């Protein structure tokens, strides 16, 4: 029972922070035509939950074996930033490697002056980030993308170079590390630039994709741009649906023309309003990645079976929220946290406030690492989920059937 590469078949990533969610994920996946990724966890999540790649892989394998699953499945080593990240995940048998070069993205590029842009481009050339790069490769060409044509001006090219040049150098280096540590076993790569302050414009996506090809990033099967609007953790999409669809159509056209590769939707959990659009526009060239939503369904199981445990997790999460929210793009504020913490809720009102409404969901979502490294809360939660395995699996199946049905509705 080993993971495999999935190629360009549309796929869905089921993140599991607790190591107990695969039975519910499998029950949902069996009802649809998505290639499933059952072993998926980012380096950031592993550090916060004190899990190892071997533990993530082992939990998925065991659950799939017990469930009698014999189909193909993938394994995503997510948010990789260093050679060590690659090494430990390759050793555990992961087959899908998500490169996160966000440390090299210059979020100021969109507003920099012409002279500042030119200075940064010169600095990148001087440090050999560009190798044999020449602006003529871009300025003298035109790209036909369906009914639209894209062409670089010097300004749009320089902004793309400044915004993504150093990130591309990191991605190319990570690609070499992956090839080395996988020892030429089958593997595939995703590159993610979704966690940036500004959207990835179509011309920037085109530049990024062409550069990945020029730099010989191997086995690229998906790319995650930063979309227009807000893809916040644990809640639905925030933004204009028409603008999102128009933007997505351009990204998919670029993926078809330069790749083909899949468009990867990160923070894909619970984006029900855009799922039909995503499914219709992307077709087979689609990967959706989820993570925290499974943790929230585990907490729903805890609430429905042991309200006292759930309340203890809620109170602890309120205490940790101000510190834990720092690395997440969310709308819930410290003021929202303080207001919600003062409310005395029980039963259905408690469930609505924390598991159905945005602010409560985000408070619980971003504090998962603190909860899962508190030995008392962690041991009580894991024991509860094991004692209520049927309910836990049912809640997960129901939740992800909603995801996958909506994606196929398009």
Foldseek 3Di string as FASTA:
>chain_A
DAADDDFLFEAEEEADLQLQAQLLVVLQVVVDDHAYAQQEDEPVSCVLLVHFLLSSVVSNVVSCVVVVDDDHHAHEHPADQDLVSLQRNLVSRHFEYEYELQVQFDLCLVPDDPVVLVVQVVVCVVVCLPPPDDCCVQQVDWDDQPPDIDGDDPSVVSSLCNGCSRSLSSLLVVLVSNCVNNVPDHHAYEYENQPHDDWQALVSLLVSLVSCVVSPRPRYAEYETHFPFDLFAPEETGDDQVRRLVRVLSNLSSCVRSPVHAYEAESQPHNLVCLQSQLVRRPRRYYYYHHLLLVLLLLVLCCVVPVVLSVVLLLVLLVCQVVQCVVGDADADNVNSVVVNPDDDHDPVVCCVQPVDRNNVVSSRRCVSVQSPPVVSVVVSVVSCVVPVVSSSVSSSVSVSSSNVSNNND
